[in-house]
Protein backbone atom coordinates (compact mmCIF):
# COMPACT_ATOMS: atom_id res chain seq x y z
CA MET A 1 68.20 -1.55 30.22
CA LYS A 2 68.87 1.55 32.62
CA LEU A 3 66.37 3.98 34.58
CA TRP A 4 66.58 7.56 34.02
CA TYR A 5 65.09 10.35 36.40
CA VAL A 6 64.45 13.19 34.34
CA TYR A 7 62.48 16.53 35.62
CA VAL A 8 62.07 19.79 34.09
CA ILE A 9 61.91 23.15 35.69
CA ASP A 10 60.49 26.28 34.25
CA ARG A 11 62.14 29.32 34.97
CA SER A 12 59.86 31.65 32.76
CA PHE A 13 58.12 33.64 35.07
CA GLU A 14 60.38 36.81 36.08
CA ASP A 15 58.87 40.04 37.73
CA HIS A 16 61.51 42.66 39.00
CA GLY A 17 64.62 40.66 39.08
CA TYR A 18 62.76 37.41 40.69
CA ARG A 19 62.76 34.31 39.19
CA SER A 20 59.87 31.59 39.93
CA HIS A 21 60.63 27.96 40.11
CA GLU A 22 57.83 24.95 39.17
CA THR A 23 58.52 21.72 37.90
CA VAL A 24 56.58 21.45 34.82
CA PHE A 25 57.60 17.82 34.54
CA ALA A 26 59.06 14.30 36.06
CA GLU A 27 59.12 10.88 34.58
CA ILE A 28 61.53 8.11 34.80
CA TYR A 29 62.51 6.78 31.33
CA GLU A 30 63.99 2.90 30.35
CA ALA A 31 66.20 3.44 28.22
CA GLU A 32 70.00 2.43 26.71
CA SER A 33 71.86 5.95 27.64
CA LYS A 34 71.60 9.41 28.84
CA GLU A 35 70.64 10.78 25.32
CA ALA A 36 68.04 7.93 24.87
CA ALA A 37 66.45 9.50 27.52
CA LYS A 38 66.74 13.30 26.56
CA LYS A 39 64.93 12.16 23.11
CA LEU A 40 61.93 10.45 24.96
CA LEU A 41 62.03 13.54 26.98
CA LEU A 42 61.83 15.45 24.12
CA GLU A 43 58.93 13.60 22.15
CA ASP A 44 56.99 14.01 25.18
CA LEU A 45 57.29 17.84 25.97
CA ASP A 46 56.40 18.67 22.40
CA TYR A 47 54.64 21.73 23.20
CA MET A 48 57.89 22.89 24.76
CA ALA A 49 59.67 25.57 22.36
CA VAL A 50 62.65 24.13 23.53
CA VAL A 51 64.17 22.15 26.27
CA ARG A 52 68.06 22.49 27.29
CA MET A 53 70.23 20.80 29.06
CA ARG A 54 71.98 23.96 30.52
CA VAL A 55 70.49 27.46 30.92
CA SER A 56 72.36 30.86 29.50
CA ASP A 57 71.62 34.41 29.81
CA LYS A 58 71.52 33.79 26.16
CA ILE A 59 67.99 31.82 25.81
CA PRO A 60 65.25 33.73 25.54
CA GLN A 61 62.90 34.41 28.39
CA TYR A 62 60.07 32.08 27.23
CA GLU A 63 62.81 29.23 26.73
CA ARG A 64 64.52 29.20 30.07
CA PHE A 65 63.66 25.51 31.58
CA ILE A 66 66.17 23.80 33.78
CA THR A 67 66.57 20.34 32.86
CA ASN A 68 67.83 17.12 34.41
CA ILE A 69 68.74 14.01 33.70
CA TYR A 70 70.46 11.33 35.61
CA GLU A 71 70.31 7.71 36.02
CA LEU A 72 68.96 5.98 38.88
CA ASN A 73 71.50 3.56 41.17
CA ASP A 74 69.79 1.26 43.83
CA SER A 75 69.06 3.86 46.23
CA TRP A 76 67.51 6.24 43.85
CA ARG A 77 64.98 3.12 42.53
CA GLN A 78 64.63 2.78 45.98
CA ILE A 79 63.36 6.30 46.90
CA TRP A 80 61.05 7.18 43.29
CA LEU A 81 59.62 3.76 43.11
CA GLN A 82 59.20 2.09 46.11
CA LYS A 83 55.22 1.30 46.43
CA HIS A 84 53.55 3.36 49.34
CA SER A 85 49.90 2.97 50.87
CA CYS A 86 48.07 5.80 51.35
CA LYS A 87 47.26 6.47 55.24
CA GLN A 88 43.51 7.43 54.35
CA CYS A 89 42.44 5.36 51.35
CA ARG A 90 45.06 3.00 51.38
CA LEU A 91 45.54 3.03 47.64
CA GLU A 92 49.17 2.41 46.48
CA TYR A 93 51.21 5.09 45.20
CA THR A 94 55.10 5.64 44.35
CA LYS A 95 57.22 8.88 44.71
CA ILE A 96 57.31 9.66 40.89
CA GLU A 97 53.85 9.54 40.68
CA LYS A 98 53.28 12.56 43.43
CA LYS A 99 56.10 14.40 41.80
CA LYS A 100 54.77 13.29 38.14
CA PHE A 101 51.19 14.71 39.38
CA GLY A 102 51.75 17.10 41.55
CA THR A 103 49.65 15.86 44.10
CA ARG A 104 51.50 17.27 47.59
CA GLY A 105 50.95 15.99 50.59
CA ALA A 106 53.12 14.04 53.25
CA ALA A 107 54.72 11.04 52.43
CA GLU A 108 52.50 9.26 53.96
CA PHE A 109 49.32 10.44 51.85
CA CYS A 110 48.84 9.98 48.22
CA SER A 111 47.32 13.44 48.20
CA ALA A 112 47.24 16.60 49.73
CA GLU A 113 43.37 16.12 49.52
CA CYS A 114 43.88 12.59 51.59
CA GLN A 115 45.97 14.26 54.10
CA LYS A 116 43.54 16.79 54.89
CA GLU A 117 40.71 14.24 55.21
CA TYR A 118 42.67 12.24 57.64
CA GLU A 119 43.55 15.48 59.64
CA LEU A 120 39.46 16.56 59.57
CA GLN A 121 38.54 12.99 60.65
CA PHE A 122 40.95 12.66 63.65
CA ALA A 123 41.65 16.35 64.75
CA PRO A 124 42.59 16.21 68.38
CA VAL A 125 39.82 17.42 70.63
CA ASP A 126 40.20 21.04 72.46
CA ILE A 127 38.17 23.94 73.02
CA THR A 128 37.38 24.51 69.40
CA THR A 129 35.68 20.63 68.69
CA TYR A 130 33.29 19.00 70.57
CA ASP A 131 34.38 16.95 73.84
CA THR A 132 32.50 13.81 72.21
CA ALA A 133 33.25 11.08 69.60
CA THR A 134 31.21 9.56 67.37
CA VAL A 135 31.13 6.28 65.29
CA TYR A 136 28.78 6.95 62.38
CA MET A 137 27.71 4.50 59.77
CA ILE A 138 27.20 5.28 55.98
CA THR A 139 24.61 2.88 54.03
CA HIS A 140 24.28 3.05 50.61
CA LYS A 141 21.12 2.16 49.86
CA PRO A 142 20.78 0.61 46.83
CA THR A 143 23.36 -1.99 47.52
CA GLY A 144 23.22 -2.21 51.76
CA LYS A 145 26.65 -1.63 51.99
CA HIS A 146 27.90 0.38 54.41
CA TYR A 147 30.75 2.41 55.18
CA ILE A 148 32.22 3.55 59.12
CA GLY A 149 33.69 6.04 60.25
CA VAL A 150 34.49 8.11 63.65
CA THR A 151 35.36 11.38 64.27
CA THR A 152 35.34 13.85 66.94
CA ARG A 153 34.06 16.69 64.52
CA TRP A 154 30.49 18.19 64.14
CA LEU A 155 28.94 15.12 62.03
CA MET A 156 27.16 17.40 59.16
CA GLN A 157 30.54 19.17 58.54
CA ARG A 158 31.83 15.49 58.46
CA TRP A 159 29.20 14.13 55.99
CA TRP A 160 29.70 16.78 53.83
CA GLU A 161 33.59 16.33 53.96
CA HIS A 162 32.56 12.83 52.63
CA ILE A 163 30.21 14.21 49.94
CA LYS A 164 33.20 16.71 48.63
CA ALA A 165 36.08 14.14 48.86
CA LYS A 166 38.14 13.35 45.98
CA SER A 167 40.72 11.30 47.72
CA GLY A 168 39.87 7.94 44.91
CA SER A 169 38.89 5.43 47.43
CA PRO A 170 36.08 3.27 46.22
CA PHE A 171 33.68 5.07 48.98
CA HIS A 172 33.98 8.39 47.67
CA GLN A 173 34.17 6.95 43.90
CA LEU A 174 30.68 5.96 44.68
CA VAL A 175 29.74 9.18 46.64
CA GLN A 176 30.47 10.94 43.71
CA ALA A 177 28.77 8.51 41.52
CA SER A 178 25.55 8.48 43.50
CA SER A 179 23.01 10.83 44.73
CA ILE A 180 23.06 12.05 47.87
CA THR A 181 19.56 10.56 48.57
CA ASP A 182 21.12 7.23 47.84
CA PHE A 183 22.72 7.28 51.13
CA THR A 184 21.33 7.08 54.73
CA PHE A 185 23.57 8.39 57.88
CA GLU A 186 23.27 7.09 61.25
CA ILE A 187 24.82 7.19 64.65
CA LEU A 188 26.29 4.02 65.96
CA GLU A 189 27.75 5.30 69.02
CA VAL A 190 28.75 8.53 71.13
CA PHE A 191 31.71 9.21 73.93
CA LYS A 192 34.27 10.68 75.45
CA PRO A 193 37.47 10.28 73.84
CA SER A 194 38.84 10.19 77.12
CA GLU A 195 36.81 7.24 78.14
CA HIS A 196 37.11 5.38 74.91
CA ASP A 197 39.66 5.00 71.95
CA PRO A 198 38.01 6.17 68.79
CA TYR A 199 40.00 3.84 66.61
CA ALA A 200 39.39 0.99 68.78
CA ARG A 201 35.90 1.79 68.43
CA GLU A 202 35.73 2.37 64.44
CA ALA A 203 37.60 -0.90 64.60
CA PHE A 204 34.84 -2.60 66.40
CA TYR A 205 32.29 -1.61 64.14
CA ILE A 206 33.88 -1.75 61.03
CA SER A 207 34.39 -5.48 62.50
CA LYS A 208 30.89 -5.95 63.29
CA TYR A 209 29.30 -5.23 60.32
CA ASN A 210 32.36 -6.63 57.95
CA ALA A 211 32.22 -3.51 56.31
CA VAL A 212 35.67 -4.33 54.69
CA GLU A 213 34.71 -7.49 53.11
CA LEU A 214 31.14 -6.80 52.72
CA GLY A 215 31.22 -2.99 52.61
CA LEU A 216 32.82 0.43 51.39
CA ASN A 217 35.64 0.67 54.20
CA SER A 218 39.04 0.48 52.73
CA VAL A 219 40.77 -1.06 56.20
CA SER A 220 39.81 -2.30 59.15
CA GLY A 221 40.62 0.81 61.15
CA HIS A 222 43.02 3.25 61.51
CA LEU A 223 46.07 2.50 63.81
CA ARG A 224 46.87 4.93 66.44
CA GLU A 225 50.30 6.44 65.97
CA ALA A 226 53.07 5.05 68.62
CA ALA A 227 54.31 7.66 70.58
């Protein structure tokens, strides 16, 4: 059975001659032929008035869609279906899933939310941030499980970011499903980033409290990027 990549771009919004394009659908179908893949597409897109393979000025504005269907070769299978691990939450994702659900974000992240959280957590220290790094521990009181993190930002802001995060990680899912009074927030160590590697200190405490196997951390620490 062949694999077919399908995407639909909406070109219905026009203002003063400017045409905007927005991907409204993306999927990979398993089908014997291009026509069979197109049939599956039309079944999924029954909310559209018309999906056409080619655009013509004769097509009414509300029916204008640019649609592409092409068979995946080995290279494109690798691009769209290869499993990646999010640099922040460590959940697995594929490029087609990011395209289909519009999660955006850089290639190393499953979503723009995870990318933002990672960048906030490990923002470089400069004149706009505190010249200290803090390893902190958040404990879920009902279970006694720990989450350990490190940041160079203001601690209350970091805690608020955890409360509002929607990364899909087990820790943030638990935060979303719990009351704020179910958690304690404590400081384990404060130091200057110029004196100690924040990543190494985070990993030390994650190991000390066994916060991956018995706690709420997804990984044993964030690796520093190679120069």
